[in-house]
Amino acid sequence: MTANGTLPSGIYDNDVTVAVPDPSIGTTATAADLRAGKTMRSGGALMTGTKPVQATVAQTVTPGTTDQVLGSGIYDGSITVKGDANLLPTNIVNGKTIFGVSGTWVGYPPTPGSNQVYAEAQQRNATGTAYAKLYSCVVRIAGRYRLSISYAVSNSAALGYAQFRKNGATLPSGSTSFTSSTSYSVFSYDLTVDCAVGDTLEMWSNISNLSYAAYYKDFSIGIANATRTYITAT
């Protein structure tokens, strides 16, 4: 019976048997589906649940450097996975991905300094009395740099010129120098204009008298902050 029933009044010559239905009829649950410690009838037998209770209060998951696995079972409270407003592409190093967010930060813009990020030691000579490009390199990180060159002449009767340029164009005052010394000296120039990614930094030269030679070597680029791949050869 699934509801109250009424036997009509009268005389019943035999016993009246009321069938009690099996409460497990139609039940598909198993012990693994039932909360651990709770019971129910199945097939006429008492069944005790085995599904583990993992938490009876709300849970908070804070992401870390390794996976955190919440075991299967029953959680009575809500589960909150923490977020962070600082999880932004600009806060993650370019080339790295954190929780699906790809970084775009490429470091602090370089400023002129003595930490070399590019150097070319090969000696080259001035080829004429008109300026000609001897060295060049490509900027990979936007910012400002220090350019340096070592130079000398074969005879003090000649002047050897060194001129730093960006993309073939002359730079502000101080980017050109000359020497009449037969001993190597270093000419350095700190950029006062910004470089963009893909710009070329160059050293151009000439000599005042083709009867003599002007020598150049150790072209380098330096920054004040920590070294990275800021410059590549052309």
Foldseek 3Di string as FASTA:
>chain_A
DPDDDDDDDDDDPDDDDDDDDDPQVVPDDALQRDEAQDWDDHPNDIHGHDFYEQEQEEEEAEDDDDDDDRDDGHYNYHYHYDDDPPLAQCNDDAPDDDPRHHHDHPDDAFFEDDAFQDKFFDKDWADAQDKDWDFKWFFAGKHKKKKKKKKEKCALVKKKKKAKDKQPHGADPQRIDIDSHRDIDMRMDIHPDMDDGGIMITIIIHMPDPVIMMMMGIITIGTDDDHDNGIGGD
